[in-house]
């Protein structure tokens, strides 16, 4: 995820912090400092840090459950609105999806129970109304925050855990794709309701509603893409007509190709037909600004391009595209390792649009494919 940086690795999962999270900490320090001085500022930052530790443990609950089913989680990103675990895939088996979805809130339940034991009982409910106030018992507030995390995450709306549980329950009777469609509609309806409530005095609800609506739309688009890809191989969707660059080409040569073709990304292919990397329009702009048009494309291109065989299932190619953050394409190769096609976000969106038209759903669902693939 852009604007984030790693702070550690736990069993192969990179923990990342988004820059906006640091802005949140700064805002907490300033607002609490204005109320009660340095001590209040420190307490506020410590409290928020502990809250996000609970959020991180919540995400690792999902990670641990997913790992039982052979699903890896490349990274977890902490945002001001919570944590986002980027899994290789979501299990389509309803029972497994329920287990993965409930593992996160279960962690918060355990944390709340442990805090209740330490405190000698359940803190007074009045503490919930003072959860943002410095000076109120830190552990008492942390207890109710974990209770809130359980309740909030079990709302039956994507991308919350409750939405995934709802989708899994529906999938038992009507299949994964149809269950996702209905669960997404319910999530979007709840988002509209939250947005309306936010108009009457709580702007935070509007922000949450926007987040829920986009999450539901993205989940629906991803499920439709998986359904469209079912039973197909990569060769069925790959792009085969494109212009490539030689490793000897310069960025200036690439700019000329950018002008005369509709492409924005160019594969760099050697004399044996093997992919060396992909030069994107952003790479060109950066190279022109920093080193000039005579820069060799091999010095400006991206090398971390996932590759798959032309005969692998299309769903495996989609997983490869998601596996590398920001990857512009998947290289499609023959048995000799020669480049025979590309799978890009643009041609996948076009693939989705055609399938939507063929099925009578209309082209609108294709608009969210790019976001679904970038996760």
Protein backbone atom coordinates (compact mmCIF):
# COMPACT_ATOMS: atom_id res chain seq x y z
CA UNK A 1 0.00 0.00 0.00
CA UNK A 2 1.34 3.42 -0.95
CA UNK A 3 2.47 5.93 1.70
CA UNK A 4 3.32 3.16 4.15
CA UNK A 5 6.58 1.80 5.50
CA UNK A 6 7.56 -1.49 7.20
CA UNK A 7 8.33 -1.64 10.91
CA UNK A 8 8.85 -5.38 11.34
CA UNK A 9 8.14 -8.92 10.15
CA UNK A 10 6.30 -11.65 12.08
CA UNK A 11 6.44 -15.16 10.60
CA UNK A 12 6.64 -13.88 7.04
CA UNK A 13 4.01 -11.13 7.42
CA UNK A 14 5.35 -7.60 7.08
CA UNK A 15 3.84 -5.06 9.49
CA UNK A 16 3.48 -1.68 7.82
CA UNK A 17 2.38 1.71 9.14
CA UNK A 18 0.64 4.21 6.92
CA UNK A 19 1.91 7.76 7.17
CA UNK A 20 -1.58 8.98 8.05
CA UNK A 21 -1.36 6.88 11.23
CA UNK A 22 1.56 9.04 12.36
CA UNK A 23 -0.58 12.09 11.67
CA UNK A 24 -3.23 10.59 13.93
CA UNK A 25 -0.69 10.15 16.73
CA UNK A 26 0.44 13.76 16.30
CA UNK A 27 -3.17 14.99 16.38
CA UNK A 28 -3.85 12.96 19.56
CA UNK A 29 -0.71 14.37 21.21
CA UNK A 30 -1.66 17.97 20.36
CA UNK A 31 -5.33 17.76 21.37
CA UNK A 32 -4.59 15.96 24.64
CA UNK A 33 -1.69 18.28 25.36
CA UNK A 34 -3.97 21.32 25.00
CA UNK A 35 -6.37 19.77 27.51
CA UNK A 36 -3.98 18.56 30.17
CA UNK A 37 -0.38 19.32 29.29
CA UNK A 38 2.52 16.96 28.57
CA UNK A 39 1.30 14.14 30.81
CA UNK A 40 -2.06 14.05 29.05
CA UNK A 41 -0.35 14.09 25.63
CA UNK A 42 1.86 11.14 26.55
CA UNK A 43 -1.09 9.24 28.00
CA UNK A 44 -3.13 9.88 24.84
CA UNK A 45 -0.38 8.59 22.56
CA UNK A 46 0.17 5.51 24.77
CA UNK A 47 -3.57 4.76 24.81
CA UNK A 48 -3.92 5.02 21.01
CA UNK A 49 -0.80 2.89 20.58
CA UNK A 50 -2.31 0.21 22.82
CA UNK A 51 -5.58 0.39 20.88
CA UNK A 52 -3.72 -0.24 17.64
CA UNK A 53 -1.78 -3.05 19.26
CA UNK A 54 -5.16 -4.66 19.88
CA UNK A 55 -6.09 -3.97 16.25
CA UNK A 56 -2.83 -5.58 15.13
CA UNK A 57 -3.49 -8.65 17.28
CA UNK A 58 -6.99 -8.77 15.76
CA UNK A 59 -5.46 -8.91 12.28
CA UNK A 60 -3.02 -11.61 13.34
CA UNK A 61 -6.03 -13.62 14.48
CA UNK A 62 -7.16 -13.62 10.84
CA UNK A 63 -3.62 -14.38 9.68
CA UNK A 64 -3.25 -17.37 12.00
CA UNK A 65 -6.60 -18.85 10.98
CA UNK A 66 -5.89 -18.31 7.28
CA UNK A 67 -2.48 -19.96 7.62
CA UNK A 68 -4.21 -23.15 8.80
CA UNK A 69 -5.78 -23.36 5.34
CA UNK A 70 -2.54 -22.66 3.48
CA UNK A 71 -3.31 -18.98 2.87
CA UNK A 72 -0.40 -16.62 3.39
CA UNK A 73 -0.63 -12.93 4.35
CA UNK A 74 2.16 -10.84 2.80
CA UNK A 75 1.53 -7.79 4.97
CA UNK A 76 -0.67 -5.93 7.45
CA UNK A 77 -1.02 -2.15 7.18
CA UNK A 78 -2.10 -0.01 10.12
CA UNK A 79 -4.30 2.93 9.10
CA UNK A 80 -6.12 5.52 11.22
CA UNK A 81 -9.34 3.58 10.56
CA UNK A 82 -7.85 0.23 11.63
CA UNK A 83 -5.78 -2.58 10.19
CA UNK A 84 -5.83 -4.15 6.73
CA UNK A 85 -4.44 -7.67 6.28
CA UNK A 86 -3.64 -8.39 2.62
CA UNK A 87 -4.23 -12.11 2.15
CA UNK A 88 -3.30 -14.07 -0.96
CA UNK A 89 -6.95 -15.03 -1.28
CA UNK A 90 -10.15 -15.36 0.73
CA UNK A 91 -11.26 -18.99 1.19
CA UNK A 92 -14.39 -19.69 -0.83
CA UNK A 93 -15.40 -22.63 1.37
CA UNK A 94 -18.07 -21.12 3.69
CA UNK A 95 -16.87 -22.93 6.81
CA UNK A 96 -13.30 -21.80 6.33
CA UNK A 97 -14.31 -18.22 5.60
CA UNK A 98 -16.37 -18.10 8.80
CA UNK A 99 -13.41 -19.43 10.79
CA UNK A 100 -11.03 -16.85 9.32
CA UNK A 101 -13.54 -14.00 9.78
CA UNK A 102 -14.35 -14.86 13.42
CA UNK A 103 -10.71 -15.33 14.43
CA UNK A 104 -10.12 -11.57 14.55
CA UNK A 105 -13.02 -10.63 16.86
CA UNK A 106 -12.21 -13.71 18.97
CA UNK A 107 -8.83 -12.17 19.77
CA UNK A 108 -10.54 -9.00 21.02
CA UNK A 109 -12.88 -11.09 23.17
CA UNK A 110 -9.85 -12.78 24.77
CA UNK A 111 -8.15 -9.41 25.35
CA UNK A 112 -11.33 -8.02 26.98
CA UNK A 113 -11.63 -11.08 29.24
CA UNK A 114 -7.98 -10.79 30.30
CA UNK A 115 -8.45 -7.08 31.08
CA UNK A 116 -11.58 -7.89 33.12
CA UNK A 117 -9.56 -10.41 35.14
CA UNK A 118 -6.79 -7.88 35.77
CA UNK A 119 -9.32 -5.21 36.78
CA UNK A 120 -11.28 -7.60 38.98
CA UNK A 121 -14.49 -7.27 36.98
CA UNK A 122 -16.19 -5.50 34.09
CA UNK A 123 -15.57 -1.72 34.16
CA UNK A 124 -18.57 0.56 34.55
CA UNK A 125 -20.41 1.21 31.25
CA UNK A 126 -20.05 4.95 31.89
CA UNK A 127 -16.39 4.61 30.91
CA UNK A 128 -17.50 4.12 27.29
CA UNK A 129 -18.65 7.74 27.16
CA UNK A 130 -15.25 8.91 28.42
CA UNK A 131 -13.03 6.68 26.29
CA UNK A 132 -11.32 9.70 24.69
CA UNK A 133 -10.71 11.58 27.94
CA UNK A 134 -7.22 11.51 29.47
CA UNK A 135 -7.13 10.72 33.17
CA UNK A 136 -9.85 8.06 33.01
CA UNK A 137 -8.51 4.57 33.81
CA UNK A 138 -6.44 3.42 30.83
CA UNK A 139 -7.17 -0.30 31.20
CA UNK A 140 -10.88 0.36 31.74
CA UNK A 141 -11.02 2.32 28.50
CA UNK A 142 -9.03 -0.36 26.70
CA UNK A 143 -11.57 -2.98 27.83
CA UNK A 144 -14.47 -1.10 26.26
CA UNK A 145 -12.48 -0.39 23.10
CA UNK A 146 -12.06 -4.12 22.60
CA UNK A 147 -15.77 -4.67 23.19
CA UNK A 148 -16.46 -1.97 20.58
CA UNK A 149 -14.06 -3.65 18.12
CA UNK A 150 -15.97 -6.91 18.46
CA UNK A 151 -19.37 -5.26 17.95
CA UNK A 152 -18.24 -2.98 15.12
CA UNK A 153 -16.46 -5.73 13.21
CA UNK A 154 -19.50 -8.00 13.41
CA UNK A 155 -21.70 -5.52 11.56
CA UNK A 156 -22.97 -7.56 8.55
CA UNK A 157 -21.34 -5.34 5.94
CA UNK A 158 -18.18 -5.63 3.88
CA UNK A 159 -15.34 -5.14 4.55
CA UNK A 160 -16.06 -5.92 8.22
CA UNK A 161 -15.82 -9.48 9.51
CA UNK A 162 -19.58 -9.66 9.95
CA UNK A 163 -19.99 -9.09 6.20
CA UNK A 164 -17.76 -12.07 5.48
CA UNK A 165 -19.71 -14.25 7.92
CA UNK A 166 -22.96 -13.17 6.25
CA UNK A 167 -21.53 -13.93 2.81
CA UNK A 168 -20.39 -17.39 3.96
CA UNK A 169 -23.83 -18.20 5.43
CA UNK A 170 -25.50 -17.13 2.18
CA UNK A 171 -22.94 -19.10 0.16
CA UNK A 172 -24.05 -22.33 1.85
CA UNK A 173 -27.40 -22.04 0.02
CA UNK A 174 -26.73 -20.00 -3.12
CA UNK A 175 -23.03 -20.19 -3.95
CA UNK A 176 -20.11 -17.84 -3.37
CA UNK A 177 -20.77 -15.35 -6.20
CA UNK A 178 -24.49 -14.88 -5.46
CA UNK A 179 -23.85 -14.75 -1.72
CA UNK A 180 -21.24 -12.03 -2.26
CA UNK A 181 -23.64 -10.01 -4.42
CA UNK A 182 -26.38 -10.05 -1.77
CA UNK A 183 -23.99 -9.39 1.12
CA UNK A 184 -22.47 -6.47 -0.80
CA UNK A 185 -25.90 -4.95 -1.40
CA UNK A 186 -26.71 -5.25 2.29
CA UNK A 187 -23.38 -3.62 3.13
CA UNK A 188 -24.02 -0.73 0.78
CA UNK A 189 -27.51 -0.23 2.21
CA UNK A 190 -26.04 -0.09 5.72
CA UNK A 191 -23.45 2.38 4.43
CA UNK A 192 -26.23 4.68 3.20
CA UNK A 193 -27.90 4.40 6.61
CA UNK A 194 -24.68 5.29 8.43
CA UNK A 195 -24.14 8.21 6.06
CA UNK A 196 -27.61 9.57 6.77
CA UNK A 197 -27.03 9.29 10.51
CA UNK A 198 -23.74 11.11 10.06
CA UNK A 199 -25.52 14.06 8.49
CA UNK A 200 -27.27 14.64 11.83
CA UNK A 201 -24.25 15.53 13.91
CA UNK A 202 -21.54 12.86 13.62
CA UNK A 203 -19.23 13.43 10.63
CA UNK A 204 -17.17 10.35 11.58
CA UNK A 205 -20.13 8.16 10.56
CA UNK A 206 -19.97 9.66 7.05
CA UNK A 207 -16.32 8.66 6.79
CA UNK A 208 -17.11 5.13 8.04
CA UNK A 209 -20.03 4.89 5.60
CA UNK A 210 -17.77 5.84 2.69
CA UNK A 211 -15.25 3.19 3.77
CA UNK A 212 -17.97 0.51 4.09
CA UNK A 213 -19.53 1.38 0.71
CA UNK A 214 -16.22 1.18 -1.16
CA UNK A 215 -15.30 -2.05 0.64
CA UNK A 216 -18.60 -3.67 -0.33
CA UNK A 217 -18.27 -2.56 -3.96
CA UNK A 218 -14.69 -3.81 -4.15
CA UNK A 219 -15.60 -7.18 -2.61
CA UNK A 220 -18.46 -7.62 -5.10
CA UNK A 221 -16.20 -6.75 -8.04
CA UNK A 222 -13.52 -9.18 -6.89
CA UNK A 223 -16.04 -12.00 -6.51
CA UNK A 224 -17.44 -11.30 -9.98
CA UNK A 225 -13.93 -11.35 -11.40
CA UNK A 226 -13.25 -14.72 -9.75
CA UNK A 227 -16.53 -16.07 -11.11
CA UNK A 228 -15.73 -14.80 -14.61
CA UNK A 229 -12.26 -16.39 -14.40
CA UNK A 230 -13.57 -19.78 -13.26
CA UNK A 231 -12.69 -22.52 -15.71
CA UNK A 232 -10.52 -20.25 -17.89
CA UNK A 233 -6.78 -20.26 -18.45
CA UNK A 234 -4.54 -17.21 -18.65
CA UNK A 235 -4.37 -17.44 -22.46
CA UNK A 236 -8.12 -16.68 -22.60
CA UNK A 237 -7.71 -13.17 -21.12
CA UNK A 238 -4.14 -12.08 -21.86
CA UNK A 239 -3.19 -9.20 -24.13
CA UNK A 240 -1.09 -10.29 -27.10
CA UNK A 241 -0.80 -7.12 -29.20
CA UNK A 242 1.67 -4.72 -27.64
CA UNK A 243 4.93 -2.97 -28.43
CA UNK A 244 8.03 -4.02 -26.54
CA UNK A 245 11.37 -2.33 -25.94
CA UNK A 246 14.89 -3.69 -26.35
CA UNK A 247 17.20 -3.69 -23.31
CA UNK A 248 19.42 -1.39 -25.40
CA UNK A 249 16.66 1.24 -25.74
CA UNK A 250 16.71 4.55 -23.89
CA UNK A 251 13.97 6.33 -22.01
CA UNK A 252 13.81 8.74 -24.95
CA UNK A 253 12.95 5.80 -27.23
CA UNK A 254 10.26 4.75 -24.77
CA UNK A 255 8.74 8.24 -24.76
CA UNK A 256 8.45 8.10 -28.56
CA UNK A 257 6.65 4.77 -28.25
CA UNK A 258 4.39 6.25 -25.58
CA UNK A 259 3.36 9.02 -27.96
CA UNK A 260 2.68 6.87 -31.03
CA UNK A 261 0.87 3.98 -29.27
CA UNK A 262 -2.03 3.71 -26.82
CA UNK A 263 0.23 1.85 -24.37
CA UNK A 264 1.36 3.30 -21.06
CA UNK A 265 3.49 0.33 -19.95
CA UNK A 266 6.14 -1.33 -22.11
CA UNK A 267 7.71 -4.77 -21.59
CA UNK A 268 11.48 -4.84 -22.00
CA UNK A 269 12.30 -8.05 -23.89
CA UNK A 270 15.73 -9.41 -24.78
CA UNK A 271 16.80 -11.15 -28.00
CA UNK A 272 15.71 -14.55 -26.70
CA UNK A 273 12.18 -13.30 -26.12
CA UNK A 274 12.49 -13.26 -22.33
CA UNK A 275 11.07 -10.47 -20.21
CA UNK A 276 13.64 -8.34 -18.42
CA UNK A 277 11.19 -5.90 -16.84
CA UNK A 278 8.38 -3.42 -17.51
CA UNK A 279 8.81 0.32 -18.03
CA UNK A 280 5.75 2.28 -16.90
CA UNK A 281 4.80 5.84 -17.73
CA UNK A 282 5.63 6.85 -14.15
CA UNK A 283 9.08 5.27 -14.57
CA UNK A 284 9.63 7.36 -17.71
CA UNK A 285 8.59 10.60 -16.03
CA UNK A 286 10.84 9.92 -13.06
CA UNK A 287 13.82 9.03 -15.27
CA UNK A 288 13.33 12.10 -17.49
CA UNK A 289 13.25 14.34 -14.43
CA UNK A 290 16.21 12.76 -12.63
CA UNK A 291 18.62 11.43 -15.26
CA UNK A 292 17.39 12.52 -18.69
CA UNK A 293 16.19 10.86 -21.93
CA UNK A 294 19.49 9.02 -22.55
CA UNK A 295 18.91 6.82 -19.49
CA UNK A 296 18.89 3.12 -20.47
CA UNK A 297 15.46 1.57 -19.93
CA UNK A 298 17.05 -1.24 -17.90
CA UNK A 299 18.00 1.34 -15.27
CA UNK A 300 14.49 2.80 -15.03
CA UNK A 301 12.22 -0.23 -15.47
CA UNK A 302 10.50 -2.34 -12.83
CA UNK A 303 11.99 -5.82 -12.41
CA UNK A 304 9.57 -7.30 -9.85
CA UNK A 305 7.09 -8.49 -12.48
CA UNK A 306 5.25 -11.72 -11.61
CA UNK A 307 5.24 -14.37 -14.32
CA UNK A 308 2.97 -17.34 -15.03
CA UNK A 309 2.75 -20.02 -17.69
CA UNK A 310 0.28 -19.45 -20.50
CA UNK A 311 -1.69 -22.57 -19.54
CA UNK A 312 -2.20 -21.90 -15.82
CA UNK A 313 -5.73 -21.15 -14.56
CA UNK A 314 -6.67 -17.49 -14.89
CA UNK A 315 -7.42 -17.36 -11.16
CA UNK A 316 -3.77 -18.25 -10.44
CA UNK A 317 -2.64 -15.38 -12.69
CA UNK A 318 -4.94 -12.98 -10.80
CA UNK A 319 -3.37 -14.13 -7.53
CA UNK A 320 0.09 -13.50 -9.01
CA UNK A 321 -0.93 -9.96 -9.99
CA UNK A 322 -2.08 -9.26 -6.43
CA UNK A 323 1.04 -10.80 -4.92
CA UNK A 324 3.30 -7.90 -5.94
CA UNK A 325 2.03 -4.51 -4.66
CA UNK A 326 1.66 -2.04 -7.52
CA UNK A 327 2.64 -4.56 -10.21
CA UNK A 328 1.59 -3.12 -13.60
CA UNK A 329 1.15 -6.54 -15.22
CA UNK A 330 1.71 -10.28 -15.11
CA UNK A 331 4.08 -11.68 -17.71
CA UNK A 332 2.61 -14.68 -19.52
CA UNK A 333 5.27 -17.10 -20.74
CA UNK A 334 5.44 -20.26 -22.82
CA UNK A 335 7.17 -23.45 -21.67
CA UNK A 336 10.54 -22.04 -22.82
CA UNK A 337 10.13 -18.92 -20.71
CA UNK A 338 9.49 -16.59 -23.66
CA UNK A 339 7.02 -13.74 -23.28
CA UNK A 340 3.80 -14.46 -25.20
CA UNK A 341 1.37 -12.06 -23.55
CA UNK A 342 0.56 -9.67 -20.72
CA UNK A 343 -2.22 -9.59 -18.17
CA UNK A 344 -2.82 -5.97 -17.15
CA UNK A 345 -5.37 -4.15 -15.01
CA UNK A 346 -6.76 -2.48 -18.12
CA UNK A 347 -7.33 -5.62 -20.18
CA UNK A 348 -8.79 -7.39 -17.13
CA UNK A 349 -11.29 -4.54 -16.75
CA UNK A 350 -12.18 -4.92 -20.43
CA UNK A 351 -12.47 -8.69 -19.96
CA UNK A 352 -14.87 -8.09 -17.07
CA UNK A 353 -16.92 -5.61 -19.08
CA UNK A 354 -17.37 -8.06 -21.95
CA UNK A 355 -18.37 -10.86 -19.58
CA UNK A 356 -20.80 -8.55 -17.77
CA UNK A 357 -22.43 -7.60 -21.09
CA UNK A 358 -22.64 -11.24 -22.14
CA UNK A 359 -24.32 -12.18 -18.86
CA UNK A 360 -26.70 -9.21 -19.01
CA UNK A 361 -25.37 -7.51 -15.84
CA UNK A 362 -24.14 -4.43 -17.64
CA UNK A 363 -20.63 -2.96 -17.73
CA UNK A 364 -20.77 -1.05 -14.45
CA UNK A 365 -19.21 -3.80 -12.37
CA UNK A 366 -15.98 -3.58 -14.35
CA UNK A 367 -15.23 -0.14 -12.94
CA UNK A 368 -14.12 -1.58 -9.59
CA UNK A 369 -11.88 -4.31 -10.97
CA UNK A 370 -8.69 -2.25 -10.68
CA UNK A 371 -9.33 -1.51 -7.01
CA UNK A 372 -10.22 -5.13 -6.32
CA UNK A 373 -6.99 -6.35 -7.85
CA UNK A 374 -4.90 -3.83 -5.92
CA UNK A 375 -6.61 -5.03 -2.77
